[in-house]
């Protein structure tokens, strides 16, 4: 079992839903970013999604795009992102970390070397948004063999014909994108999400976590009530952009986590 598998098993035992938080590695700088990441579990975060900054983040809205730009301008690299995970693991050996981003930095590093370094750094899973199932031999299957979960996105446009292909090599959990479009674009609606989650769960035993469009504890609660958990990214990253101090950001995150855990 991976840390992700164990986390969901523990949550099921507790009768709780998962709260997942996304932050961009290196935003606004290495030290503050690491402080924020280290504080997330204490704020109630069950799984951390650690963004890999990239120059052409096609699936992301302005908030995440700008976060990536700030990180890159501040000198963030793939090596530094892996270093953050290592530092986190010095004091936390149980909270899962999922690296989320695009294939180019991984391809440039070399898949085998990247997977070896990611595993050594304490990474538990990958979300690579621009690698479709047809390219599973590129990274998905090697990642699974290396002991990392490969988490796939399903969207409102993933129809019944496409869904089995999306699910076939997915592990850890399924990330359901609640809206059509980029991150931070619209508000998630539980009434729209519920039938889609049910449809996905009819074809897989994996947990289904819902992200995009969740900005408040109330929305986190309503979405988590119809899924296995909720993901928040842009709303957290926006506070980083505004220069809020880390304790204030963690207080906001704690409210979101409490909402999801109430579901």
C-alpha atoms as a PDB file:
ATOM      1  CA  UNK A   1       0.000   0.000   0.000  1.00  0.00           C
ATOM      2  CA  UNK A   2       1.152   3.526  -0.744  1.00  0.00           C
ATOM      3  CA  UNK A   3       0.740   6.393   1.702  1.00  0.00           C
ATOM      4  CA  UNK A   4      -2.248   7.480  -0.407  1.00  0.00           C
ATOM      5  CA  UNK A   5      -3.899   4.073  -0.061  1.00  0.00           C
ATOM      6  CA  UNK A   6      -3.266   4.075   3.685  1.00  0.00           C
ATOM      7  CA  UNK A   7      -4.654   7.591   4.051  1.00  0.00           C
ATOM      8  CA  UNK A   8      -7.950   6.671   2.401  1.00  0.00           C
ATOM      9  CA  UNK A   9      -8.162   3.464   4.436  1.00  0.00           C
ATOM     10  CA  UNK A  10      -7.704   5.503   7.627  1.00  0.00           C
ATOM     11  CA  UNK A  11     -10.316   8.046   6.532  1.00  0.00           C
ATOM     12  CA  UNK A  12     -12.822   5.284   5.768  1.00  0.00           C
ATOM     13  CA  UNK A  13     -12.246   3.834   9.233  1.00  0.00           C
ATOM     14  CA  UNK A  14     -12.943   7.274  10.726  1.00  0.00           C
ATOM     15  CA  UNK A  15     -15.970   7.844   8.494  1.00  0.00           C
ATOM     16  CA  UNK A  16     -14.414  11.037   7.157  1.00  0.00           C
ATOM     17  CA  UNK A  17     -13.957  12.568   3.722  1.00  0.00           C
ATOM     18  CA  UNK A  18     -10.564  13.728   2.460  1.00  0.00           C
ATOM     19  CA  UNK A  19      -9.374  17.292   2.168  1.00  0.00           C
ATOM     20  CA  UNK A  20      -6.655  17.873  -0.415  1.00  0.00           C
ATOM     21  CA  UNK A  21      -4.755  21.169  -0.733  1.00  0.00           C
ATOM     22  CA  UNK A  22      -2.770  22.333  -3.757  1.00  0.00           C
ATOM     23  CA  UNK A  23       0.135  24.746  -3.440  1.00  0.00           C
ATOM     24  CA  UNK A  24       2.722  25.811  -6.006  1.00  0.00           C
ATOM     25  CA  UNK A  25       6.239  24.800  -5.003  1.00  0.00           C
ATOM     26  CA  UNK A  26       8.463  27.851  -4.599  1.00  0.00           C
ATOM     27  CA  UNK A  27       5.673  30.448  -4.525  1.00  0.00           C
ATOM     28  CA  UNK A  28       6.378  33.191  -3.545  1.00  0.00           C
ATOM     29  CA  UNK A  29       9.850  31.905  -2.612  1.00  0.00           C
ATOM     30  CA  UNK A  30      11.423  28.675  -1.388  1.00  0.00           C
ATOM     31  CA  UNK A  31      11.382  29.374   2.358  1.00  0.00           C
ATOM     32  CA  UNK A  32       7.829  30.691   2.649  1.00  0.00           C
ATOM     33  CA  UNK A  33       6.554  27.965   0.372  1.00  0.00           C
ATOM     34  CA  UNK A  34       8.202  25.291   2.513  1.00  0.00           C
ATOM     35  CA  UNK A  35       6.772  26.852   5.692  1.00  0.00           C
ATOM     36  CA  UNK A  36       3.306  26.701   4.162  1.00  0.00           C
ATOM     37  CA  UNK A  37       3.694  23.091   3.040  1.00  0.00           C
ATOM     38  CA  UNK A  38       4.956  22.017   6.463  1.00  0.00           C
ATOM     39  CA  UNK A  39       1.966  23.694   8.097  1.00  0.00           C
ATOM     40  CA  UNK A  40      -0.707  22.045   5.948  1.00  0.00           C
ATOM     41  CA  UNK A  41      -1.130  18.767   7.879  1.00  0.00           C
ATOM     42  CA  UNK A  42      -1.637  20.676  11.126  1.00  0.00           C
ATOM     43  CA  UNK A  43      -4.382  22.675   9.366  1.00  0.00           C
ATOM     44  CA  UNK A  44      -6.236  19.452   8.586  1.00  0.00           C
ATOM     45  CA  UNK A  45      -4.922  18.662   5.106  1.00  0.00           C
ATOM     46  CA  UNK A  46      -5.007  14.935   4.362  1.00  0.00           C
ATOM     47  CA  UNK A  47      -3.106  14.971   1.047  1.00  0.00           C
ATOM     48  CA  UNK A  48      -0.804  17.669  -0.358  1.00  0.00           C
ATOM     49  CA  UNK A  49      -0.709  18.420  -4.071  1.00  0.00           C
ATOM     50  CA  UNK A  50       2.615  20.052  -4.812  1.00  0.00           C
ATOM     51  CA  UNK A  51       2.618  22.019  -8.048  1.00  0.00           C
ATOM     52  CA  UNK A  52       5.657  21.803 -10.316  1.00  0.00           C
ATOM     53  CA  UNK A  53       6.107  25.258 -11.870  1.00  0.00           C
ATOM     54  CA  UNK A  54       6.170  25.189 -15.663  1.00  0.00           C
ATOM     55  CA  UNK A  55       6.395  27.878 -18.338  1.00  0.00           C
ATOM     56  CA  UNK A  56       3.301  26.782 -20.295  1.00  0.00           C
ATOM     57  CA  UNK A  57       0.617  25.551 -17.862  1.00  0.00           C
ATOM     58  CA  UNK A  58      -2.219  25.112 -20.382  1.00  0.00           C
ATOM     59  CA  UNK A  59      -4.821  23.676 -17.986  1.00  0.00           C
ATOM     60  CA  UNK A  60      -4.427  26.381 -15.366  1.00  0.00           C
ATOM     61  CA  UNK A  61      -6.167  29.686 -14.928  1.00  0.00           C
ATOM     62  CA  UNK A  62      -4.462  33.014 -14.210  1.00  0.00           C
ATOM     63  CA  UNK A  63      -4.018  32.415 -10.467  1.00  0.00           C
ATOM     64  CA  UNK A  64      -2.029  29.196 -10.866  1.00  0.00           C
ATOM     65  CA  UNK A  65      -0.222  30.495 -13.953  1.00  0.00           C
ATOM     66  CA  UNK A  66       1.012  33.545 -12.050  1.00  0.00           C
ATOM     67  CA  UNK A  67       2.053  31.359  -9.122  1.00  0.00           C
ATOM     68  CA  UNK A  68       4.187  29.287 -11.461  1.00  0.00           C
ATOM     69  CA  UNK A  69       5.736  32.416 -12.931  1.00  0.00           C
ATOM     70  CA  UNK A  70       6.563  33.789  -9.480  1.00  0.00           C
ATOM     71  CA  UNK A  71       8.147  30.492  -8.497  1.00  0.00           C
ATOM     72  CA  UNK A  72      10.243  30.278 -11.659  1.00  0.00           C
ATOM     73  CA  UNK A  73      11.329  33.906 -11.345  1.00  0.00           C
ATOM     74  CA  UNK A  74      12.335  33.150  -7.758  1.00  0.00           C
ATOM     75  CA  UNK A  75      14.637  30.397  -8.956  1.00  0.00           C
ATOM     76  CA  UNK A  76      12.441  27.355  -8.284  1.00  0.00           C
ATOM     77  CA  UNK A  77      13.597  24.220 -10.118  1.00  0.00           C
ATOM     78  CA  UNK A  78      12.585  20.581 -10.190  1.00  0.00           C
ATOM     79  CA  UNK A  79      15.545  19.823  -7.908  1.00  0.00           C
ATOM     80  CA  UNK A  80      14.332  22.411  -5.405  1.00  0.00           C
ATOM     81  CA  UNK A  81      10.804  20.987  -5.512  1.00  0.00           C
ATOM     82  CA  UNK A  82      12.173  17.539  -4.705  1.00  0.00           C
ATOM     83  CA  UNK A  83      14.284  19.123  -1.964  1.00  0.00           C
ATOM     84  CA  UNK A  84      11.108  20.570  -0.438  1.00  0.00           C
ATOM     85  CA  UNK A  85       9.611  17.089  -0.273  1.00  0.00           C
ATOM     86  CA  UNK A  86      12.754  15.783   1.441  1.00  0.00           C
ATOM     87  CA  UNK A  87      12.615  18.582   4.015  1.00  0.00           C
ATOM     88  CA  UNK A  88       8.923  17.892   4.634  1.00  0.00           C
ATOM     89  CA  UNK A  89       9.647  14.200   5.178  1.00  0.00           C
ATOM     90  CA  UNK A  90      12.144  15.014   7.948  1.00  0.00           C
ATOM     91  CA  UNK A  91       9.195  15.784  10.235  1.00  0.00           C
ATOM     92  CA  UNK A  92       6.211  14.105   8.512  1.00  0.00           C
ATOM     93  CA  UNK A  93       6.388  10.539   7.226  1.00  0.00           C
ATOM     94  CA  UNK A  94       2.648   9.914   6.840  1.00  0.00           C
ATOM     95  CA  UNK A  95       1.004  12.754   4.860  1.00  0.00           C
ATOM     96  CA  UNK A  96       0.902  11.832   1.147  1.00  0.00           C
ATOM     97  CA  UNK A  97       2.461  14.214  -1.385  1.00  0.00           C
ATOM     98  CA  UNK A  98       1.278  14.218  -4.991  1.00  0.00           C
ATOM     99  CA  UNK A  99       3.348  16.166  -7.512  1.00  0.00           C
ATOM    100  CA  UNK A 100       1.074  17.854 -10.033  1.00  0.00           C
ATOM    101  CA  UNK A 101       2.085  19.462 -13.276  1.00  0.00           C
ATOM    102  CA  UNK A 102       3.170  18.829 -16.838  1.00  0.00           C
ATOM    103  CA  UNK A 103       5.295  16.229 -18.571  1.00  0.00           C
ATOM    104  CA  UNK A 104       7.998  18.468 -20.036  1.00  0.00           C
ATOM    105  CA  UNK A 105      10.143  18.892 -16.867  1.00  0.00           C
ATOM    106  CA  UNK A 106       9.927  15.150 -16.198  1.00  0.00           C
ATOM    107  CA  UNK A 107      10.785  14.256 -19.797  1.00  0.00           C
ATOM    108  CA  UNK A 108      13.712  16.678 -19.732  1.00  0.00           C
ATOM    109  CA  UNK A 109      15.046  15.067 -16.558  1.00  0.00           C
ATOM    110  CA  UNK A 110      14.532  11.545 -17.917  1.00  0.00           C
ATOM    111  CA  UNK A 111      11.682   9.377 -16.659  1.00  0.00           C
ATOM    112  CA  UNK A 112      13.774   6.742 -14.883  1.00  0.00           C
ATOM    113  CA  UNK A 113      15.949   9.275 -13.080  1.00  0.00           C
ATOM    114  CA  UNK A 114      12.954  11.429 -12.146  1.00  0.00           C
ATOM    115  CA  UNK A 115      11.040   8.476 -10.696  1.00  0.00           C
ATOM    116  CA  UNK A 116      14.072   7.346  -8.710  1.00  0.00           C
ATOM    117  CA  UNK A 117      14.560  10.856  -7.297  1.00  0.00           C
ATOM    118  CA  UNK A 118      10.842  11.372  -6.608  1.00  0.00           C
ATOM    119  CA  UNK A 119      10.565   8.098  -4.723  1.00  0.00           C
ATOM    120  CA  UNK A 120      13.710   8.891  -2.718  1.00  0.00           C
ATOM    121  CA  UNK A 121      12.362  12.350  -1.860  1.00  0.00           C
ATOM    122  CA  UNK A 122       9.134  10.905  -0.433  1.00  0.00           C
ATOM    123  CA  UNK A 123       6.725  11.629  -3.287  1.00  0.00           C
ATOM    124  CA  UNK A 124       3.726   9.286  -3.346  1.00  0.00           C
ATOM    125  CA  UNK A 125       1.887  10.048  -6.567  1.00  0.00           C
ATOM    126  CA  UNK A 126       1.819  12.028  -9.787  1.00  0.00           C
ATOM    127  CA  UNK A 127      -0.819  14.014 -11.648  1.00  0.00           C
ATOM    128  CA  UNK A 128       0.472  14.903 -15.103  1.00  0.00           C
ATOM    129  CA  UNK A 129      -2.309  16.716 -16.882  1.00  0.00           C
ATOM    130  CA  UNK A 130      -0.986  16.627 -20.436  1.00  0.00           C
ATOM    131  CA  UNK A 131      -0.325  12.873 -20.716  1.00  0.00           C
ATOM    132  CA  UNK A 132      -3.454  11.051 -21.975  1.00  0.00           C
ATOM    133  CA  UNK A 133      -4.043   7.325 -21.347  1.00  0.00           C
ATOM    134  CA  UNK A 134      -2.769   6.564 -24.832  1.00  0.00           C
ATOM    135  CA  UNK A 135       0.689   7.576 -23.561  1.00  0.00           C
ATOM    136  CA  UNK A 136       0.660   5.365 -20.451  1.00  0.00           C
ATOM    137  CA  UNK A 137       3.907   3.668 -21.445  1.00  0.00           C
ATOM    138  CA  UNK A 138       5.679   7.055 -21.215  1.00  0.00           C
ATOM    139  CA  UNK A 139       5.233   7.637 -17.477  1.00  0.00           C
ATOM    140  CA  UNK A 140       2.121   6.087 -15.950  1.00  0.00           C
ATOM    141  CA  UNK A 141       3.202   2.448 -16.082  1.00  0.00           C
ATOM    142  CA  UNK A 142       6.851   3.156 -15.130  1.00  0.00           C
ATOM    143  CA  UNK A 143       5.598   5.249 -12.187  1.00  0.00           C
ATOM    144  CA  UNK A 144       3.375   2.450 -10.922  1.00  0.00           C
ATOM    145  CA  UNK A 145       6.270   0.001 -11.204  1.00  0.00           C
ATOM    146  CA  UNK A 146       8.383   2.422  -9.158  1.00  0.00           C
ATOM    147  CA  UNK A 147       5.744   2.423  -6.411  1.00  0.00           C
ATOM    148  CA  UNK A 148       4.114   5.781  -7.148  1.00  0.00           C
ATOM    149  CA  UNK A 149       0.405   6.216  -7.750  1.00  0.00           C
ATOM    150  CA  UNK A 150      -0.566   7.738 -11.083  1.00  0.00           C
ATOM    151  CA  UNK A 151      -3.722   9.786 -10.638  1.00  0.00           C
ATOM    152  CA  UNK A 152      -5.863  10.584 -13.636  1.00  0.00           C
ATOM    153  CA  UNK A 153      -8.296  13.422 -14.241  1.00  0.00           C
ATOM    154  CA  UNK A 154     -11.871  12.805 -15.319  1.00  0.00           C
ATOM    155  CA  UNK A 155     -13.953  15.749 -16.521  1.00  0.00           C
ATOM    156  CA  UNK A 156     -17.566  16.581 -17.418  1.00  0.00           C
ATOM    157  CA  UNK A 157     -16.684  15.694 -21.015  1.00  0.00           C
ATOM    158  CA  UNK A 158     -15.347  12.216 -20.138  1.00  0.00           C
ATOM    159  CA  UNK A 159     -18.234  10.168 -21.518  1.00  0.00           C
ATOM    160  CA  UNK A 160     -19.045   6.504 -20.881  1.00  0.00           C
ATOM    161  CA  UNK A 161     -17.033   5.439 -23.908  1.00  0.00           C
ATOM    162  CA  UNK A 162     -13.915   7.277 -22.757  1.00  0.00           C
ATOM    163  CA  UNK A 163     -14.142   6.643 -19.004  1.00  0.00           C
ATOM    164  CA  UNK A 164     -12.840   3.022 -18.985  1.00  0.00           C
ATOM    165  CA  UNK A 165      -9.741   4.155 -20.881  1.00  0.00           C
ATOM    166  CA  UNK A 166      -9.141   6.926 -18.329  1.00  0.00           C
ATOM    167  CA  UNK A 167      -9.531   4.517 -15.428  1.00  0.00           C
ATOM    168  CA  UNK A 168      -7.570   1.543 -16.729  1.00  0.00           C
ATOM    169  CA  UNK A 169      -4.162   2.364 -15.211  1.00  0.00           C
ATOM    170  CA  UNK A 170      -5.222   4.958 -12.635  1.00  0.00           C
ATOM    171  CA  UNK A 171      -4.337   4.342  -8.989  1.00  0.00           C
ATOM    172  CA  UNK A 172      -4.541   6.175  -5.667  1.00  0.00           C
ATOM    173  CA  UNK A 173      -7.673   8.136  -6.490  1.00  0.00           C
ATOM    174  CA  UNK A 174      -9.560   9.655  -9.395  1.00  0.00           C
ATOM    175  CA  UNK A 175      -9.525  13.444  -9.611  1.00  0.00           C
ATOM    176  CA  UNK A 176     -12.861  14.645 -10.968  1.00  0.00           C
ATOM    177  CA  UNK A 177     -12.737  18.138 -12.453  1.00  0.00           C
ATOM    178  CA  UNK A 178     -16.064  19.670 -11.492  1.00  0.00           C
ATOM    179  CA  UNK A 179     -16.294  22.233 -14.277  1.00  0.00           C
ATOM    180  CA  UNK A 180     -15.436  22.513 -17.944  1.00  0.00           C
ATOM    181  CA  UNK A 181     -12.525  24.918 -18.299  1.00  0.00           C
ATOM    182  CA  UNK A 182      -9.410  26.069 -16.478  1.00  0.00           C
ATOM    183  CA  UNK A 183      -8.627  26.168 -12.765  1.00  0.00           C
ATOM    184  CA  UNK A 184     -10.302  28.926 -10.756  1.00  0.00           C
ATOM    185  CA  UNK A 185     -12.863  29.658 -13.463  1.00  0.00           C
ATOM    186  CA  UNK A 186     -16.249  28.918 -11.885  1.00  0.00           C
ATOM    187  CA  UNK A 187     -17.949  27.622  -8.762  1.00  0.00           C
ATOM    188  CA  UNK A 188     -18.491  23.892  -8.251  1.00  0.00           C
ATOM    189  CA  UNK A 189     -22.083  22.756  -7.730  1.00  0.00           C
ATOM    190  CA  UNK A 190     -22.816  19.593  -5.746  1.00  0.00           C
ATOM    191  CA  UNK A 191     -26.003  18.957  -7.736  1.00  0.00           C
ATOM    192  CA  UNK A 192     -23.962  18.782 -10.947  1.00  0.00           C
ATOM    193  CA  UNK A 193     -21.124  16.800  -9.407  1.00  0.00           C
ATOM    194  CA  UNK A 194     -23.124  14.081  -7.607  1.00  0.00           C
ATOM    195  CA  UNK A 195     -24.362  12.120 -10.658  1.00  0.00           C
ATOM    196  CA  UNK A 196     -20.915  12.288 -12.256  1.00  0.00           C
ATOM    197  CA  UNK A 197     -19.240  10.908  -9.134  1.00  0.00           C
ATOM    198  CA  UNK A 198     -21.816   8.118  -9.019  1.00  0.00           C
ATOM    199  CA  UNK A 199     -21.128   7.307 -12.679  1.00  0.00           C
ATOM    200  CA  UNK A 200     -17.359   7.129 -12.093  1.00  0.00           C
ATOM    201  CA  UNK A 201     -17.715   5.052  -8.925  1.00  0.00           C
ATOM    202  CA  UNK A 202     -19.844   2.534 -10.818  1.00  0.00           C
ATOM    203  CA  UNK A 203     -16.718   1.705 -12.834  1.00  0.00           C
ATOM    204  CA  UNK A 204     -13.964   1.854 -10.207  1.00  0.00           C
ATOM    205  CA  UNK A 205     -13.329   1.091  -6.543  1.00  0.00           C
ATOM    206  CA  UNK A 206     -10.941   4.040  -6.276  1.00  0.00           C
ATOM    207  CA  UNK A 207     -11.898   7.105  -4.216  1.00  0.00           C
ATOM    208  CA  UNK A 208     -13.203  10.014  -6.289  1.00  0.00           C
ATOM    209  CA  UNK A 209     -11.957  13.448  -5.191  1.00  0.00           C
ATOM    210  CA  UNK A 210     -13.461  16.598  -6.683  1.00  0.00           C
ATOM    211  CA  UNK A 211     -11.563  19.783  -7.484  1.00  0.00           C
ATOM    212  CA  UNK A 212     -11.876  23.091  -9.374  1.00  0.00           C
ATOM    213  CA  UNK A 213     -14.280  25.807  -8.216  1.00  0.00           C
ATOM    214  CA  UNK A 214     -14.134  25.238  -4.431  1.00  0.00           C
ATOM    215  CA  UNK A 215     -13.402  28.417  -2.493  1.00  0.00           C
ATOM    216  CA  UNK A 216     -15.260  28.235   0.826  1.00  0.00           C
ATOM    217  CA  UNK A 217     -15.822  25.809   3.723  1.00  0.00           C
ATOM    218  CA  UNK A 218     -19.476  25.561   2.695  1.00  0.00           C
ATOM    219  CA  UNK A 219     -18.626  24.514  -0.856  1.00  0.00           C
ATOM    220  CA  UNK A 220     -15.957  22.113   0.409  1.00  0.00           C
ATOM    221  CA  UNK A 221     -18.578  20.509   2.637  1.00  0.00           C
ATOM    222  CA  UNK A 222     -21.241  20.275  -0.086  1.00  0.00           C
ATOM    223  CA  UNK A 223     -18.819  18.795  -2.632  1.00  0.00           C
ATOM    224  CA  UNK A 224     -17.252  16.359  -0.158  1.00  0.00           C
ATOM    225  CA  UNK A 225     -20.746  15.205   0.817  1.00  0.00           C
ATOM    226  CA  UNK A 226     -21.277  13.778  -2.688  1.00  0.00           C
ATOM    227  CA  UNK A 227     -17.692  12.505  -3.241  1.00  0.00           C
ATOM    228  CA  UNK A 228     -14.825  11.015  -1.261  1.00  0.00           C
ATOM    229  CA  UNK A 229     -13.261  14.403  -0.705  1.00  0.00           C
ATOM    230  CA  UNK A 230     -12.528  17.878  -2.043  1.00  0.00           C
ATOM    231  CA  UNK A 231      -9.491  19.654  -3.489  1.00  0.00           C
ATOM    232  CA  UNK A 232      -8.785  23.374  -3.138  1.00  0.00           C
ATOM    233  CA  UNK A 233      -6.001  25.085  -5.052  1.00  0.00           C
ATOM    234  CA  UNK A 234      -6.649  28.504  -6.576  1.00  0.00           C
ATOM    235  CA  UNK A 235      -8.295  29.943  -3.453  1.00  0.00           C
ATOM    236  CA  UNK A 236      -5.205  29.075  -1.396  1.00  0.00           C
ATOM    237  CA  UNK A 237      -2.741  30.223  -4.049  1.00  0.00           C
ATOM    238  CA  UNK A 238      -4.612  33.545  -4.306  1.00  0.00           C
ATOM    239  CA  UNK A 239      -3.777  34.314  -0.673  1.00  0.00           C
ATOM    240  CA  UNK A 240      -0.115  33.625  -1.395  1.00  0.00           C
ATOM    241  CA  UNK A 241      -0.345  36.041  -4.332  1.00  0.00           C
ATOM    242  CA  UNK A 242      -1.817  38.683  -2.016  1.00  0.00           C
ATOM    243  CA  UNK A 243       1.174  38.337   0.292  1.00  0.00           C
ATOM    244  CA  UNK A 244      -0.797  37.032   3.262  1.00  0.00           C
ATOM    245  CA  UNK A 245       1.356  35.634   6.071  1.00  0.00           C
ATOM    246  CA  UNK A 246       1.615  31.859   6.318  1.00  0.00           C
ATOM    247  CA  UNK A 247      -0.355  31.600   9.611  1.00  0.00           C
ATOM    248  CA  UNK A 248      -3.273  33.487   8.013  1.00  0.00           C
ATOM    249  CA  UNK A 249      -3.228  31.194   4.978  1.00  0.00           C
ATOM    250  CA  UNK A 250      -3.182  28.135   7.234  1.00  0.00           C
ATOM    251  CA  UNK A 251      -6.183  29.464   9.166  1.00  0.00           C
ATOM    252  CA  UNK A 252      -8.074  29.744   5.877  1.00  0.00           C
ATOM    253  CA  UNK A 253      -6.995  26.211   4.926  1.00  0.00           C
ATOM    254  CA  UNK A 254      -8.143  24.904   8.318  1.00  0.00           C
ATOM    255  CA  UNK A 255     -11.615  26.295   7.664  1.00  0.00           C
ATOM    256  CA  UNK A 256     -11.769  24.556   4.293  1.00  0.00           C
ATOM    257  CA  UNK A 257     -10.557  21.282   5.807  1.00  0.00           C
ATOM    258  CA  UNK A 258     -13.147  21.520   8.578  1.00  0.00           C
ATOM    259  CA  UNK A 259     -15.841  22.013   5.952  1.00  0.00           C
ATOM    260  CA  UNK A 260     -14.779  18.912   4.018  1.00  0.00           C
ATOM    261  CA  UNK A 261     -14.486  16.861   7.184  1.00  0.00           C
ATOM    262  CA  UNK A 262     -18.028  17.853   8.243  1.00  0.00           C
ATOM    263  CA  UNK A 263     -19.448  16.218   5.118  1.00  0.00           C
END
